[in-house]
Amino acid sequence: MKYQIIPVTPFQQNCTLIWCENTRKAAVVDPGGNLERIYEALEKHGLTLDKILLTHGHIDHVGGAAKLAKETGVAIEGPHVDDAFWLENLPRQSQNFGFAHCDAFAPSRFLEEGESLHIGDVALDVVHCPGHTPGHLVFFEPVTKLALVGDVLFRGSIGRTDFPGSDHKALINSITTKLWPLGKEVAFIPGHGPMSTFAEERAHNPFVADQLLG
């Protein structure tokens, strides 16, 4: 699997284009906006968009999804159904965060823990990691050991838990019981900021380092 991080929206959200080298089929994870940048990357790499994947329902991650789906005819998959209320609340989200108006939408299908998604010959495991939002998902590619973690975990930090439906205890539990077992060698793309590894965060992250949590 290959990937390209495409920062979008004024929040510099890490939209990620992932693709299968054999088939040139691609998925876009969290197209929050700036669709022209996504189209440019698809053309640059000679890819065919196969699906749109959403980690959670916050506008900087989903604001461009419905328009991209309409223009390309591909399905939106994810997040977990527990984030449906965030998608239904997109008009208010756009107002509250100073984004252009965004209509509510529903994905082609919500995703569940344990499902496997295929982009060409690439398989992604779906991991439900509530806390930042109740329906937050992580997508994990076990061959290259790459995780797309949205706003669950960052380099040196963790996701905010001051939103409706957020839960700090659940977030810590998701990180330690869902992400850490995937392996210290896993590299991850967060929703914002630079990449890191689980090993680095377990050693130095001031919120979830092993020595802090025992």
C-alpha atoms as a PDB file:
ATOM      1  CA  MET A   1       0.000   0.000   0.000  1.00  0.00           C
ATOM      2  CA  LYS A   2       1.135   3.507  -0.850  1.00  0.00           C
ATOM      3  CA  TYR A   3      -0.162   6.738   0.626  1.00  0.00           C
ATOM      4  CA  GLN A   4      -0.018  10.513   0.347  1.00  0.00           C
ATOM      5  CA  ILE A   5      -1.051  12.914   3.096  1.00  0.00           C
ATOM      6  CA  ILE A   6      -3.050  15.862   1.741  1.00  0.00           C
ATOM      7  CA  PRO A   7      -3.581  18.657   4.315  1.00  0.00           C
ATOM      8  CA  VAL A   8      -7.030  20.208   3.849  1.00  0.00           C
ATOM      9  CA  THR A   9      -9.256  22.895   5.432  1.00  0.00           C
ATOM     10  CA  PRO A  10      -8.051  25.807   7.579  1.00  0.00           C
ATOM     11  CA  PHE A  11      -7.528  23.205  10.337  1.00  0.00           C
ATOM     12  CA  GLN A  12      -4.802  21.506   8.219  1.00  0.00           C
ATOM     13  CA  GLN A  13      -6.521  18.151   8.618  1.00  0.00           C
ATOM     14  CA  ASN A  14      -4.536  15.175   7.302  1.00  0.00           C
ATOM     15  CA  CYS A  15      -6.726  13.807   4.538  1.00  0.00           C
ATOM     16  CA  THR A  16      -4.933  10.694   3.281  1.00  0.00           C
ATOM     17  CA  LEU A  17      -4.968   9.118  -0.159  1.00  0.00           C
ATOM     18  CA  ILE A  18      -4.136   5.401   0.030  1.00  0.00           C
ATOM     19  CA  TRP A  19      -3.824   3.028  -2.901  1.00  0.00           C
ATOM     20  CA  CYS A  20      -3.012  -0.437  -4.137  1.00  0.00           C
ATOM     21  CA  GLU A  21       0.110  -0.490  -6.313  1.00  0.00           C
ATOM     22  CA  ASN A  22      -1.093  -3.512  -8.282  1.00  0.00           C
ATOM     23  CA  THR A  23      -4.549  -2.290  -9.259  1.00  0.00           C
ATOM     24  CA  ARG A  24      -4.122   1.524  -8.917  1.00  0.00           C
ATOM     25  CA  LYS A  25      -7.396   1.601  -6.988  1.00  0.00           C
ATOM     26  CA  ALA A  26      -7.498   4.227  -4.245  1.00  0.00           C
ATOM     27  CA  ALA A  27      -9.427   5.352  -1.209  1.00  0.00           C
ATOM     28  CA  VAL A  28      -9.564   8.801   0.329  1.00  0.00           C
ATOM     29  CA  VAL A  29      -9.679   8.901   4.104  1.00  0.00           C
ATOM     30  CA  ASP A  30     -11.329  11.967   5.677  1.00  0.00           C
ATOM     31  CA  PRO A  31     -11.805  14.378   2.743  1.00  0.00           C
ATOM     32  CA  GLY A  32     -12.637  17.425   4.826  1.00  0.00           C
ATOM     33  CA  GLY A  33     -12.423  19.876   1.922  1.00  0.00           C
ATOM     34  CA  ASN A  34     -10.133  21.276  -0.784  1.00  0.00           C
ATOM     35  CA  LEU A  35     -11.217  18.600  -3.229  1.00  0.00           C
ATOM     36  CA  GLU A  36      -9.019  20.056  -5.949  1.00  0.00           C
ATOM     37  CA  ARG A  37      -5.978  18.834  -4.001  1.00  0.00           C
ATOM     38  CA  ILE A  38      -7.423  15.319  -3.888  1.00  0.00           C
ATOM     39  CA  TYR A  39      -8.171  15.286  -7.617  1.00  0.00           C
ATOM     40  CA  GLU A  40      -4.666  16.555  -8.335  1.00  0.00           C
ATOM     41  CA  ALA A  41      -3.124  13.710  -6.314  1.00  0.00           C
ATOM     42  CA  LEU A  42      -5.322  11.096  -8.002  1.00  0.00           C
ATOM     43  CA  GLU A  43      -4.243  12.349 -11.417  1.00  0.00           C
ATOM     44  CA  LYS A  44      -0.579  12.634 -10.433  1.00  0.00           C
ATOM     45  CA  HIS A  45      -0.413   8.974  -9.362  1.00  0.00           C
ATOM     46  CA  GLY A  46      -2.708   7.616 -12.089  1.00  0.00           C
ATOM     47  CA  LEU A  47      -5.291   6.304  -9.641  1.00  0.00           C
ATOM     48  CA  THR A  48      -8.971   5.407  -9.779  1.00  0.00           C
ATOM     49  CA  LEU A  49     -10.948   6.407  -6.709  1.00  0.00           C
ATOM     50  CA  ASP A  50     -12.733   3.349  -5.318  1.00  0.00           C
ATOM     51  CA  LYS A  51     -14.196   4.555  -2.002  1.00  0.00           C
ATOM     52  CA  ILE A  52     -14.295   7.302   0.594  1.00  0.00           C
ATOM     53  CA  LEU A  53     -13.565   6.338   4.207  1.00  0.00           C
ATOM     54  CA  LEU A  54     -14.433   8.406   7.275  1.00  0.00           C
ATOM     55  CA  THR A  55     -12.864   8.021  10.713  1.00  0.00           C
ATOM     56  CA  HIS A  56     -15.440  10.212  12.486  1.00  0.00           C
ATOM     57  CA  GLY A  57     -18.049  12.878  11.944  1.00  0.00           C
ATOM     58  CA  HIS A  58     -16.295  16.178  12.631  1.00  0.00           C
ATOM     59  CA  ILE A  59     -16.568  18.674   9.794  1.00  0.00           C
ATOM     60  CA  ASP A  60     -12.849  19.090   9.132  1.00  0.00           C
ATOM     61  CA  HIS A  61     -12.763  15.344   8.378  1.00  0.00           C
ATOM     62  CA  VAL A  62     -16.018  14.943   6.431  1.00  0.00           C
ATOM     63  CA  GLY A  63     -16.887  18.350   4.974  1.00  0.00           C
ATOM     64  CA  GLY A  64     -16.009  17.414   1.389  1.00  0.00           C
ATOM     65  CA  ALA A  65     -17.151  13.790   1.467  1.00  0.00           C
ATOM     66  CA  ALA A  66     -20.680  14.158   0.082  1.00  0.00           C
ATOM     67  CA  LYS A  67     -19.563  16.405  -2.782  1.00  0.00           C
ATOM     68  CA  LEU A  68     -16.681  14.079  -3.658  1.00  0.00           C
ATOM     69  CA  ALA A  69     -19.019  11.073  -3.606  1.00  0.00           C
ATOM     70  CA  LYS A  70     -21.517  12.840  -5.861  1.00  0.00           C
ATOM     71  CA  GLU A  71     -18.864  13.926  -8.351  1.00  0.00           C
ATOM     72  CA  THR A  72     -17.123  10.531  -8.558  1.00  0.00           C
ATOM     73  CA  GLY A  73     -19.990   8.111  -7.936  1.00  0.00           C
ATOM     74  CA  VAL A  74     -18.108   6.234  -5.202  1.00  0.00           C
ATOM     75  CA  ALA A  75     -19.476   5.118  -1.853  1.00  0.00           C
ATOM     76  CA  ILE A  76     -18.838   6.701   1.535  1.00  0.00           C
ATOM     77  CA  GLU A  77     -18.026   4.088   4.180  1.00  0.00           C
ATOM     78  CA  GLY A  78     -17.807   4.891   7.894  1.00  0.00           C
ATOM     79  CA  PRO A  79     -17.723   6.111  10.507  1.00  0.00           C
ATOM     80  CA  HIS A  80     -19.388   3.888  13.127  1.00  0.00           C
ATOM     81  CA  VAL A  81     -23.125   4.477  13.535  1.00  0.00           C
ATOM     82  CA  ASP A  82     -22.533   6.090  16.934  1.00  0.00           C
ATOM     83  CA  ASP A  83     -21.281   9.170  15.045  1.00  0.00           C
ATOM     84  CA  ALA A  84     -24.493   9.527  13.005  1.00  0.00           C
ATOM     85  CA  PHE A  85     -25.523  12.511  15.102  1.00  0.00           C
ATOM     86  CA  TRP A  86     -22.360  14.383  14.094  1.00  0.00           C
ATOM     87  CA  LEU A  87     -23.197  13.904  10.405  1.00  0.00           C
ATOM     88  CA  GLU A  88     -26.785  14.992  11.023  1.00  0.00           C
ATOM     89  CA  ASN A  89     -25.438  18.086  12.782  1.00  0.00           C
ATOM     90  CA  LEU A  90     -23.134  19.229   9.951  1.00  0.00           C
ATOM     91  CA  PRO A  91     -25.074  22.449   9.202  1.00  0.00           C
ATOM     92  CA  ARG A  92     -24.518  23.610  12.775  1.00  0.00           C
ATOM     93  CA  GLN A  93     -20.935  22.349  12.797  1.00  0.00           C
ATOM     94  CA  SER A  94     -20.158  24.430   9.709  1.00  0.00           C
ATOM     95  CA  GLN A  95     -21.619  27.505  11.400  1.00  0.00           C
ATOM     96  CA  ASN A  96     -19.881  26.933  14.727  1.00  0.00           C
ATOM     97  CA  PHE A  97     -16.432  26.349  13.206  1.00  0.00           C
ATOM     98  CA  GLY A  98     -16.578  29.006  10.491  1.00  0.00           C
ATOM     99  CA  PHE A  99     -16.750  26.595   7.548  1.00  0.00           C
ATOM    100  CA  ALA A 100     -18.837  27.051   4.420  1.00  0.00           C
ATOM    101  CA  HIS A 101     -22.320  25.564   4.826  1.00  0.00           C
ATOM    102  CA  CYS A 102     -22.297  21.764   4.760  1.00  0.00           C
ATOM    103  CA  ASP A 103     -25.489  19.749   4.419  1.00  0.00           C
ATOM    104  CA  ALA A 104     -26.141  16.719   6.576  1.00  0.00           C
ATOM    105  CA  PHE A 105     -25.590  13.363   4.899  1.00  0.00           C
ATOM    106  CA  ALA A 106     -25.483   9.668   5.691  1.00  0.00           C
ATOM    107  CA  PRO A 107     -22.744   7.331   4.428  1.00  0.00           C
ATOM    108  CA  SER A 108     -23.469   4.479   2.049  1.00  0.00           C
ATOM    109  CA  ARG A 109     -22.868   2.297   5.080  1.00  0.00           C
ATOM    110  CA  PHE A 110     -21.641   2.615   8.635  1.00  0.00           C
ATOM    111  CA  LEU A 111     -18.765   0.350   9.638  1.00  0.00           C
ATOM    112  CA  GLU A 112     -18.322  -1.995  12.582  1.00  0.00           C
ATOM    113  CA  GLU A 113     -15.392  -3.245  14.619  1.00  0.00           C
ATOM    114  CA  GLY A 114     -13.733  -6.246  12.989  1.00  0.00           C
ATOM    115  CA  GLU A 115     -14.796  -5.557   9.415  1.00  0.00           C
ATOM    116  CA  SER A 116     -12.215  -5.711   6.621  1.00  0.00           C
ATOM    117  CA  LEU A 117     -12.185  -3.248   3.728  1.00  0.00           C
ATOM    118  CA  HIS A 118     -10.527  -3.867   0.384  1.00  0.00           C
ATOM    119  CA  ILE A 119      -8.928  -1.332  -1.927  1.00  0.00           C
ATOM    120  CA  GLY A 120      -7.699  -3.453  -4.795  1.00  0.00           C
ATOM    121  CA  ASP A 121      -5.406  -6.025  -3.186  1.00  0.00           C
ATOM    122  CA  VAL A 122      -5.003  -3.990   0.014  1.00  0.00           C
ATOM    123  CA  ALA A 123      -7.037  -4.990   3.088  1.00  0.00           C
ATOM    124  CA  LEU A 124      -7.748  -2.592   5.945  1.00  0.00           C
ATOM    125  CA  ASP A 125      -8.940  -3.698   9.374  1.00  0.00           C
ATOM    126  CA  VAL A 126     -11.638  -1.577  11.014  1.00  0.00           C
ATOM    127  CA  VAL A 127     -11.074  -0.778  14.698  1.00  0.00           C
ATOM    128  CA  HIS A 128     -13.711   1.059  16.750  1.00  0.00           C
ATOM    129  CA  CYS A 129     -11.946   3.555  19.045  1.00  0.00           C
ATOM    130  CA  PRO A 130     -14.503   5.692  20.897  1.00  0.00           C
ATOM    131  CA  GLY A 131     -13.519   8.618  23.097  1.00  0.00           C
ATOM    132  CA  HIS A 132     -12.880  11.654  20.903  1.00  0.00           C
ATOM    133  CA  THR A 133     -16.263  10.854  19.394  1.00  0.00           C
ATOM    134  CA  PRO A 134     -18.381   7.798  20.225  1.00  0.00           C
ATOM    135  CA  GLY A 135     -18.245   6.402  16.702  1.00  0.00           C
ATOM    136  CA  HIS A 136     -14.584   7.032  15.891  1.00  0.00           C
ATOM    137  CA  LEU A 137     -12.845   4.422  13.728  1.00  0.00           C
ATOM    138  CA  VAL A 138      -9.208   3.600  13.026  1.00  0.00           C
ATOM    139  CA  PHE A 139      -8.128   1.912   9.783  1.00  0.00           C
ATOM    140  CA  PHE A 140      -5.150  -0.450  10.060  1.00  0.00           C
ATOM    141  CA  GLU A 141      -3.145  -2.017   7.245  1.00  0.00           C
ATOM    142  CA  PRO A 142      -1.343  -5.011   8.815  1.00  0.00           C
ATOM    143  CA  VAL A 143       1.156  -5.719   6.015  1.00  0.00           C
ATOM    144  CA  THR A 144       2.857  -2.317   6.091  1.00  0.00           C
ATOM    145  CA  LYS A 145       1.789  -1.809   9.719  1.00  0.00           C
ATOM    146  CA  LEU A 146       0.263   1.594   9.071  1.00  0.00           C
ATOM    147  CA  ALA A 147      -2.677   2.957  11.049  1.00  0.00           C
ATOM    148  CA  LEU A 148      -4.870   5.904  10.106  1.00  0.00           C
ATOM    149  CA  VAL A 149      -6.019   7.030  13.533  1.00  0.00           C
ATOM    150  CA  GLY A 150      -7.930  10.248  12.891  1.00  0.00           C
ATOM    151  CA  ASP A 151      -8.143  12.297  16.077  1.00  0.00           C
ATOM    152  CA  VAL A 152      -7.628   9.458  18.565  1.00  0.00           C
ATOM    153  CA  LEU A 153      -3.869   9.903  18.933  1.00  0.00           C
ATOM    154  CA  PHE A 154      -1.300  12.515  17.921  1.00  0.00           C
ATOM    155  CA  ARG A 155       2.431  12.873  18.198  1.00  0.00           C
ATOM    156  CA  GLY A 156       2.803  13.909  21.816  1.00  0.00           C
ATOM    157  CA  SER A 157      -0.911  14.293  22.464  1.00  0.00           C
ATOM    158  CA  ILE A 158      -4.365  12.696  22.278  1.00  0.00           C
ATOM    159  CA  GLY A 159      -7.753  13.704  20.923  1.00  0.00           C
ATOM    160  CA  ARG A 160      -9.910  16.340  22.598  1.00  0.00           C
ATOM    161  CA  THR A 161     -12.679  15.079  24.855  1.00  0.00           C
ATOM    162  CA  ASP A 162     -14.639  18.296  25.435  1.00  0.00           C
ATOM    163  CA  PHE A 163     -17.167  17.684  22.648  1.00  0.00           C
ATOM    164  CA  PRO A 164     -20.691  16.298  23.082  1.00  0.00           C
ATOM    165  CA  GLY A 165     -20.384  12.520  23.328  1.00  0.00           C
ATOM    166  CA  SER A 166     -16.653  12.620  24.099  1.00  0.00           C
ATOM    167  CA  ASP A 167     -15.273  10.519  26.942  1.00  0.00           C
ATOM    168  CA  HIS A 168     -11.701  10.861  28.216  1.00  0.00           C
ATOM    169  CA  LYS A 169     -11.677   7.507  29.997  1.00  0.00           C
ATOM    170  CA  ALA A 170     -13.002   5.767  26.875  1.00  0.00           C
ATOM    171  CA  LEU A 171     -10.329   7.457  24.751  1.00  0.00           C
ATOM    172  CA  ILE A 172      -7.482   6.266  26.981  1.00  0.00           C
ATOM    173  CA  ASN A 173      -9.015   2.793  26.970  1.00  0.00           C
ATOM    174  CA  SER A 174      -9.252   2.813  23.154  1.00  0.00           C
ATOM    175  CA  ILE A 175      -5.602   3.761  22.819  1.00  0.00           C
ATOM    176  CA  THR A 176      -4.286   1.238  25.322  1.00  0.00           C
ATOM    177  CA  THR A 177      -6.563  -1.720  24.529  1.00  0.00           C
ATOM    178  CA  LYS A 178      -7.240  -1.252  20.800  1.00  0.00           C
ATOM    179  CA  LEU A 179      -4.146   0.486  19.371  1.00  0.00           C
ATOM    180  CA  TRP A 180      -1.227  -0.688  21.481  1.00  0.00           C
ATOM    181  CA  PRO A 181      -1.923  -4.408  20.830  1.00  0.00           C
ATOM    182  CA  LEU A 182      -1.413  -3.748  17.103  1.00  0.00           C
ATOM    183  CA  GLY A 183       2.332  -3.513  17.836  1.00  0.00           C
ATOM    184  CA  LYS A 184       4.957  -0.970  18.854  1.00  0.00           C
ATOM    185  CA  GLU A 185       6.353  -0.936  15.325  1.00  0.00           C
ATOM    186  CA  VAL A 186       3.117   0.518  13.890  1.00  0.00           C
ATOM    187  CA  ALA A 187       3.488   3.917  12.241  1.00  0.00           C
ATOM    188  CA  PHE A 188       0.418   6.119  12.294  1.00  0.00           C
ATOM    189  CA  ILE A 189      -1.039   9.044  10.418  1.00  0.00           C
ATOM    190  CA  PRO A 190      -2.969  11.299  12.806  1.00  0.00           C
ATOM    191  CA  GLY A 191      -5.774  13.646  11.865  1.00  0.00           C
ATOM    192  CA  HIS A 192      -3.470  16.632  12.359  1.00  0.00           C
ATOM    193  CA  GLY A 193       0.274  17.125  12.615  1.00  0.00           C
ATOM    194  CA  PRO A 194       3.225  14.836  11.930  1.00  0.00           C
ATOM    195  CA  MET A 195       3.322  11.050  11.839  1.00  0.00           C
ATOM    196  CA  SER A 196       4.738   9.011  14.691  1.00  0.00           C
ATOM    197  CA  THR A 197       4.910   5.420  15.897  1.00  0.00           C
ATOM    198  CA  PHE A 198       3.184   3.629  18.728  1.00  0.00           C
ATOM    199  CA  ALA A 199       6.608   2.908  20.230  1.00  0.00           C
ATOM    200  CA  GLU A 200       7.411   6.618  20.336  1.00  0.00           C
ATOM    201  CA  GLU A 201       4.096   7.500  21.970  1.00  0.00           C
ATOM    202  CA  ARG A 202       4.306   4.670  24.492  1.00  0.00           C
ATOM    203  CA  ALA A 203       7.722   5.998  25.493  1.00  0.00           C
ATOM    204  CA  HIS A 204       7.148   9.766  25.478  1.00  0.00           C
ATOM    205  CA  ASN A 205       3.499  10.821  25.074  1.00  0.00           C
ATOM    206  CA  PRO A 206       2.598  12.740  28.272  1.00  0.00           C
ATOM    207  CA  PHE A 207      -0.980  11.408  28.172  1.00  0.00           C
ATOM    208  CA  VAL A 208      -0.541   7.698  27.425  1.00  0.00           C
ATOM    209  CA  ALA A 209       3.105   6.763  27.992  1.00  0.00           C
ATOM    210  CA  ASP A 210       3.494   3.327  29.530  1.00  0.00           C
ATOM    211  CA  GLN A 211       5.241   4.649  32.661  1.00  0.00           C
ATOM    212  CA  LEU A 212       2.283   6.952  33.385  1.00  0.00           C
ATOM    213  CA  LEU A 213      -0.412   4.320  32.999  1.00  0.00           C
ATOM    214  CA  GLY A 214       1.390   1.424  34.588  1.00  0.00           C
END
